[in-house]
Amino acid sequence: MHRLLLLLAGACVAEMRLRLDALPVPPAVARMVGKVGNAAMYCTGITVGPRMVLTPAACVHAGFMTYEINHVIANVVGVHRQSEFWPDATDGGDYALLDLDTPVGDLFGTLPLVGAPPCAITLVAVYTSVSVSTVQFAPGYDPGVQVQCTMKVLSTSRCAHDCDTSTVGSPGAPLLYTLRNATTSTTCVLGMHLVGDSGSSNRIGSIVAAANAHLSWLQSIKTTTPTTTTPTTTTPTTTPTTTPTTTPTTTPTTATTVAPDKNEATAVPMSNASSDGSSSATTIVYVCIAVVLLAWAIVLGCMLRRRLSQQRDLMTPATAP
């Protein structure tokens, strides 16, 4: 009888987990959840940015890691642990944000975290219960959506839930809440499963408001860096542009500035010499003219004197012998 009850309970739990391809229309939110890890181990990951994934810190290990989502495999190229943004976090914290080399968020969409503008939900009342759903990659099951779970707030950073989970694959599964109004609805990530399985009454998750603040900071850095100072972009662009333009421009300018000074310094004596030479030549010309005039005056004086002498001779009567 006891064994029969366990089988019935297991069947009820399994019934709550729905295969994605069994749904009439696979929910778009399920396409934003993937699998983090490698061939040895894996967890569930949540696409929260074009190239960024949220997963538990315990799922991050040294070595090669990938993020597989909708048959697309992206490589993990960077890890941002909780302690990077929240220094008080112990042992690296509850979560990690992973950088990818492929923009899977642009391909399949991203899930907003609680605290982001579309998900302005404040979870402050301890032991408040919220109806949630989850998507996970537990072994033995196809990737699936589970509905009608309950999440209970334990603190500003911790929660408990009764979603069907396993110890392998389920960590990182998002605890999803849908905000609805008259015309639209938004699915938000309130929490993320960390530890515990369906056989445990203590399934613990992390409220992802802290991860949202960390994510916003990283996105602001990635947005402003390319336009200001990036070691890979700005430095090569600035160095070639500045060095060729500044050095050749400065050197010729200095040379052309000095050269006229030298020419002017040598031009001043040359100008004085030419003026002295011209004045000397003018003096010689004047002297020559004066000599010529003086010679003509002497010649004219001699001719005049001779003429006067001849006139006196003609006017003097001859004396008889």
Protein backbone atom coordinates (compact mmCIF):
# COMPACT_ATOMS: atom_id res chain seq x y z
CA MET A 1 0.00 0.00 0.00
CA HIS A 2 2.83 2.36 0.91
CA ARG A 3 4.56 1.58 -2.35
CA LEU A 4 1.35 2.22 -4.27
CA LEU A 5 0.97 5.64 -2.65
CA LEU A 6 4.53 6.55 -3.65
CA LEU A 7 3.85 5.51 -7.24
CA LEU A 8 0.67 7.58 -7.33
CA ALA A 9 2.49 10.58 -5.86
CA GLY A 10 5.26 10.23 -8.41
CA ALA A 11 2.72 10.05 -11.21
CA CYS A 12 1.03 13.22 -9.97
CA VAL A 13 4.35 15.07 -9.83
CA ALA A 14 5.34 13.87 -13.29
CA GLU A 15 1.95 14.94 -14.58
CA MET A 16 2.72 18.51 -13.51
CA ARG A 17 5.78 18.57 -15.80
CA LEU A 18 4.77 19.11 -19.44
CA ARG A 19 6.94 18.39 -22.45
CA LEU A 20 7.52 21.45 -24.59
CA ASP A 21 6.61 19.64 -27.77
CA ALA A 22 3.45 18.31 -26.12
CA LEU A 23 2.07 21.81 -25.63
CA PRO A 24 -0.24 23.17 -28.36
CA VAL A 25 2.11 26.13 -28.80
CA PRO A 26 5.49 25.93 -26.99
CA PRO A 27 5.67 29.00 -24.75
CA ALA A 28 8.15 31.60 -25.93
CA VAL A 29 9.58 31.78 -22.43
CA ALA A 30 10.84 28.21 -22.70
CA ARG A 31 13.02 29.22 -25.64
CA MET A 32 14.91 31.59 -23.33
CA VAL A 33 16.09 28.82 -20.99
CA GLY A 34 19.02 26.54 -21.83
CA LYS A 35 21.60 24.15 -20.45
CA VAL A 36 24.94 25.26 -18.93
CA GLY A 37 27.94 22.97 -18.48
CA ASN A 38 29.78 20.29 -20.42
CA ALA A 39 29.58 16.56 -21.05
CA ALA A 40 30.40 15.77 -17.40
CA MET A 41 27.81 17.97 -15.67
CA TYR A 42 25.20 20.56 -16.46
CA CYS A 43 22.66 22.93 -14.93
CA THR A 44 19.82 25.06 -16.21
CA GLY A 45 20.65 28.59 -17.40
CA ILE A 46 18.48 31.65 -18.01
CA THR A 47 19.13 33.98 -20.96
CA VAL A 48 19.12 37.47 -19.41
CA GLY A 49 21.04 39.46 -22.02
CA PRO A 50 22.11 39.24 -25.67
CA ARG A 51 25.31 37.44 -24.61
CA MET A 52 24.65 36.77 -20.92
CA VAL A 53 23.25 33.85 -18.91
CA LEU A 54 22.27 33.55 -15.24
CA THR A 55 23.01 30.28 -13.43
CA PRO A 56 23.89 29.18 -9.86
CA ALA A 57 27.45 29.83 -8.73
CA ALA A 58 27.79 26.14 -7.81
CA CYS A 59 27.32 25.24 -11.49
CA VAL A 60 30.41 27.20 -12.57
CA HIS A 61 33.61 25.17 -12.70
CA ALA A 62 37.07 25.58 -14.14
CA GLY A 63 37.52 24.48 -17.70
CA PHE A 64 35.53 24.59 -20.89
CA MET A 65 31.81 25.40 -20.55
CA THR A 66 29.03 25.91 -23.06
CA TYR A 67 25.45 27.15 -23.10
CA GLU A 68 23.12 25.07 -25.25
CA ILE A 69 19.76 26.54 -26.17
CA ASN A 70 17.37 25.51 -28.96
CA HIS A 71 20.13 23.44 -30.62
CA VAL A 72 22.51 26.42 -30.66
CA ILE A 73 25.74 26.02 -28.67
CA ALA A 74 27.56 29.12 -27.39
CA ASN A 75 30.90 29.10 -25.59
CA VAL A 76 31.26 30.65 -22.14
CA VAL A 77 34.01 33.27 -22.39
CA GLY A 78 33.65 35.10 -19.05
CA VAL A 79 32.31 34.60 -15.52
CA HIS A 80 30.98 37.30 -13.17
CA ARG A 81 30.38 35.94 -9.68
CA GLN A 82 28.09 37.58 -7.16
CA SER A 83 31.05 38.68 -5.03
CA GLU A 84 32.27 40.83 -7.94
CA PHE A 85 29.37 43.23 -7.39
CA TRP A 86 28.32 42.32 -3.84
CA PRO A 87 31.56 42.08 -1.77
CA ASP A 88 29.71 40.67 1.25
CA ALA A 89 28.70 37.54 -0.67
CA THR A 90 30.41 34.47 0.80
CA ASP A 91 31.98 31.71 -1.29
CA GLY A 92 31.29 33.60 -4.50
CA GLY A 93 27.59 34.00 -3.71
CA ASP A 94 24.48 32.26 -5.00
CA TYR A 95 24.63 33.14 -8.68
CA ALA A 96 26.99 33.78 -11.57
CA LEU A 97 26.51 35.74 -14.78
CA LEU A 98 28.21 34.16 -17.79
CA ASP A 99 29.48 35.97 -20.89
CA LEU A 100 28.89 34.13 -24.19
CA ASP A 101 30.56 34.38 -27.58
CA THR A 102 27.21 34.15 -29.40
CA PRO A 103 24.26 36.59 -29.08
CA VAL A 104 21.65 33.93 -28.29
CA GLY A 105 19.54 36.58 -26.57
CA ASP A 106 19.10 38.34 -29.91
CA LEU A 107 18.10 35.04 -31.48
CA PHE A 108 15.59 33.73 -28.92
CA GLY A 109 14.83 36.62 -26.55
CA THR A 110 15.71 37.37 -22.92
CA LEU A 111 13.89 37.01 -19.61
CA PRO A 112 13.65 40.09 -17.34
CA LEU A 113 14.59 39.66 -13.68
CA VAL A 114 12.61 40.99 -10.75
CA GLY A 115 13.54 44.64 -10.22
CA ALA A 116 13.96 45.37 -13.93
CA PRO A 117 11.58 48.03 -15.35
CA PRO A 118 9.08 45.50 -16.80
CA CYS A 119 9.09 43.55 -13.52
CA ALA A 120 8.76 46.18 -10.80
CA ILE A 121 7.73 43.70 -8.11
CA THR A 122 8.83 44.15 -4.50
CA LEU A 123 9.13 40.94 -2.47
CA VAL A 124 9.49 42.22 1.09
CA ALA A 125 6.92 40.35 3.15
CA VAL A 126 8.50 37.21 4.61
CA TYR A 127 6.50 34.00 4.02
CA THR A 128 4.52 35.60 1.23
CA SER A 129 3.48 32.87 -1.21
CA VAL A 130 3.42 33.39 -4.97
CA SER A 131 2.16 31.05 -7.68
CA VAL A 132 5.00 30.38 -10.14
CA SER A 133 6.05 28.05 -12.95
CA THR A 134 9.45 26.77 -14.00
CA VAL A 135 11.47 25.48 -16.97
CA GLN A 136 14.32 23.04 -16.38
CA PHE A 137 16.62 20.43 -17.89
CA ALA A 138 16.41 17.61 -15.35
CA PRO A 139 17.94 14.26 -16.39
CA GLY A 140 15.44 11.62 -17.34
CA TYR A 141 13.00 14.22 -18.59
CA ASP A 142 12.67 16.19 -21.76
CA PRO A 143 13.16 19.94 -21.26
CA GLY A 144 9.81 20.95 -19.90
CA VAL A 145 7.61 23.56 -18.30
CA GLN A 146 6.10 22.92 -14.88
CA VAL A 147 3.09 24.96 -13.85
CA GLN A 148 1.23 25.47 -10.58
CA CYS A 149 4.23 25.64 -8.21
CA THR A 150 4.31 27.78 -5.10
CA MET A 151 7.23 29.99 -4.11
CA LYS A 152 7.51 31.25 -0.53
CA VAL A 153 9.64 34.29 0.35
CA LEU A 154 12.08 33.54 3.20
CA SER A 155 14.16 36.74 3.09
CA THR A 156 15.27 39.41 0.65
CA SER A 157 17.60 36.90 -0.98
CA ARG A 158 16.14 33.45 -0.23
CA CYS A 159 12.98 31.56 -1.11
CA ALA A 160 11.55 28.07 -0.84
CA HIS A 161 9.35 26.33 -3.41
CA ASP A 162 7.57 23.06 -4.12
CA CYS A 163 8.38 22.77 -7.83
CA ASP A 164 9.36 19.33 -9.12
CA THR A 165 13.18 19.39 -9.27
CA SER A 166 16.18 17.07 -9.24
CA THR A 167 19.69 17.41 -7.86
CA VAL A 168 21.25 17.35 -11.34
CA GLY A 169 20.18 19.64 -14.14
CA SER A 170 17.47 21.50 -12.20
CA PRO A 171 19.74 24.01 -10.39
CA GLY A 172 19.33 27.29 -12.26
CA ALA A 173 15.71 26.67 -13.20
CA PRO A 174 13.82 30.00 -13.18
CA LEU A 175 10.82 30.53 -10.91
CA LEU A 176 8.54 32.48 -13.22
CA TYR A 177 5.69 34.84 -12.47
CA THR A 178 3.46 36.44 -15.12
CA LEU A 179 2.27 40.02 -14.75
CA ARG A 180 -0.96 40.61 -16.65
CA ASN A 181 -3.00 43.67 -17.50
CA ALA A 182 -5.88 44.30 -19.85
CA THR A 183 -3.85 43.99 -23.06
CA THR A 184 -0.39 42.57 -22.34
CA SER A 185 1.45 40.17 -20.08
CA THR A 186 5.10 40.00 -18.98
CA THR A 187 6.83 36.91 -17.62
CA CYS A 188 9.38 37.77 -14.93
CA VAL A 189 12.01 35.71 -13.13
CA LEU A 190 11.36 36.02 -9.39
CA GLY A 191 13.75 33.35 -8.22
CA MET A 192 16.17 30.63 -9.31
CA HIS A 193 16.30 27.08 -7.97
CA LEU A 194 19.54 26.28 -6.13
CA VAL A 195 19.37 23.01 -4.18
CA GLY A 196 16.93 20.24 -3.27
CA ASP A 197 14.90 17.70 -5.21
CA SER A 198 11.36 16.43 -5.28
CA GLY A 199 12.07 14.00 -2.46
CA SER A 200 13.10 16.86 -0.18
CA SER A 201 10.82 19.22 1.66
CA ASN A 202 13.55 21.85 1.65
CA ARG A 203 13.90 23.05 -1.95
CA ILE A 204 15.74 26.35 -1.76
CA GLY A 205 16.03 29.06 -4.34
CA SER A 206 17.56 32.51 -4.67
CA ILE A 207 15.54 35.68 -5.23
CA VAL A 208 17.23 37.25 -8.25
CA ALA A 209 16.87 40.96 -7.38
CA ALA A 210 20.59 41.07 -6.47
CA ALA A 211 21.46 39.45 -9.79
CA ASN A 212 19.36 42.07 -11.60
CA ALA A 213 21.34 44.93 -10.00
CA HIS A 214 24.59 43.20 -10.98
CA LEU A 215 23.32 42.61 -14.52
CA SER A 216 22.26 46.25 -14.93
CA TRP A 217 25.74 47.38 -13.88
CA LEU A 218 27.44 45.03 -16.35
CA GLN A 219 25.16 46.13 -19.17
CA SER A 220 25.87 49.80 -18.43
CA ILE A 221 29.61 49.10 -18.62
CA LYS A 222 29.27 47.20 -21.89
CA THR A 223 27.15 50.02 -23.34
CA THR A 224 29.54 52.88 -22.48
CA THR A 225 32.89 51.09 -22.95
CA PRO A 226 32.96 50.89 -26.80
CA THR A 227 32.43 54.63 -27.10
CA THR A 228 34.98 55.74 -24.51
CA THR A 229 37.99 53.59 -23.71
CA THR A 230 38.28 50.00 -24.77
CA PRO A 231 41.76 48.45 -24.83
CA THR A 232 40.94 46.55 -28.01
CA THR A 233 39.17 49.31 -29.94
CA THR A 234 40.10 52.77 -28.73
CA THR A 235 43.84 52.29 -28.21
CA PRO A 236 44.65 51.05 -31.73
CA THR A 237 42.42 53.73 -33.22
CA THR A 238 43.84 56.56 -31.13
CA THR A 239 47.53 55.67 -31.38
CA PRO A 240 47.85 55.49 -35.17
CA THR A 241 45.67 58.54 -35.61
CA THR A 242 47.49 60.71 -33.10
CA THR A 243 51.11 59.70 -33.75
CA PRO A 244 51.23 60.13 -37.54
CA THR A 245 49.28 63.36 -37.48
CA THR A 246 51.09 65.01 -34.63
CA THR A 247 54.72 64.07 -35.33
CA PRO A 248 54.94 64.96 -39.03
CA THR A 249 52.93 68.11 -38.50
CA THR A 250 55.06 69.33 -35.63
CA THR A 251 58.47 68.61 -37.19
CA PRO A 252 57.92 70.44 -40.49
CA THR A 253 56.36 73.34 -38.63
CA THR A 254 59.46 73.72 -36.48
CA ALA A 255 61.74 73.50 -39.53
CA THR A 256 59.82 76.10 -41.48
CA THR A 257 59.74 78.38 -38.48
CA VAL A 258 63.51 78.23 -37.91
CA ALA A 259 64.50 78.56 -41.56
CA PRO A 260 62.98 82.00 -42.12
CA ASP A 261 64.74 83.24 -38.98
CA LYS A 262 68.08 82.18 -40.42
CA ASN A 263 67.32 83.75 -43.77
CA GLU A 264 66.28 86.97 -42.16
CA ALA A 265 69.45 87.01 -40.09
CA THR A 266 71.60 86.62 -43.21
CA ALA A 267 69.45 88.97 -45.26
CA VAL A 268 70.13 91.96 -43.05
CA PRO A 269 73.89 92.12 -43.78
CA MET A 270 73.25 91.49 -47.47
CA SER A 271 70.89 94.43 -47.59
CA ASN A 272 73.42 96.72 -45.89
CA ALA A 273 76.19 95.64 -48.25
CA SER A 274 74.10 96.32 -51.32
CA SER A 275 73.12 99.76 -50.05
CA ASP A 276 76.76 100.59 -49.26
CA GLY A 277 77.84 99.45 -52.73
CA SER A 278 75.19 101.50 -54.47
CA SER A 279 76.10 104.63 -52.51
CA SER A 280 79.79 104.16 -53.38
CA ALA A 281 78.95 103.78 -57.05
CA THR A 282 76.82 106.91 -56.93
CA THR A 283 79.67 108.84 -55.32
CA ILE A 284 82.08 107.73 -58.05
CA VAL A 285 79.64 108.80 -60.75
CA TYR A 286 79.23 112.20 -59.15
CA VAL A 287 83.03 112.58 -58.87
CA CYS A 288 83.49 111.64 -62.51
CA ILE A 289 80.84 114.11 -63.58
CA ALA A 290 82.49 116.80 -61.47
CA VAL A 291 85.89 116.02 -63.01
CA VAL A 292 84.43 116.16 -66.52
CA LEU A 293 82.72 119.46 -65.80
CA LEU A 294 85.90 120.81 -64.30
CA ALA A 295 87.86 119.73 -67.38
CA TRP A 296 85.31 121.39 -69.65
CA ALA A 297 85.50 124.50 -67.53
CA ILE A 298 89.31 124.54 -67.85
CA VAL A 299 89.11 123.96 -71.61
CA LEU A 300 86.51 126.67 -72.01
CA GLY A 301 88.58 128.97 -69.83
CA CYS A 302 91.66 128.37 -71.97
CA MET A 303 89.72 128.91 -75.19
CA LEU A 304 88.16 132.08 -73.84
CA ARG A 305 91.51 133.38 -72.69
CA ARG A 306 93.05 132.63 -76.07
CA ARG A 307 90.23 134.39 -77.86
CA LEU A 308 90.58 137.45 -75.71
CA SER A 309 94.31 137.46 -76.36
CA GLN A 310 93.72 137.37 -80.12
CA GLN A 311 91.27 140.27 -79.91
CA ARG A 312 93.78 142.36 -78.01
CA ASP A 313 96.38 141.66 -80.66
CA LEU A 314 94.06 142.84 -83.41
CA MET A 315 93.17 146.02 -81.59
CA THR A 316 96.80 147.02 -80.91
CA PRO A 317 98.19 149.24 -83.79
CA ALA A 318 101.37 148.13 -85.38
CA THR A 319 104.44 150.31 -84.65
CA ALA A 320 106.51 151.75 -87.56
CA PRO A 321 110.00 150.44 -87.98
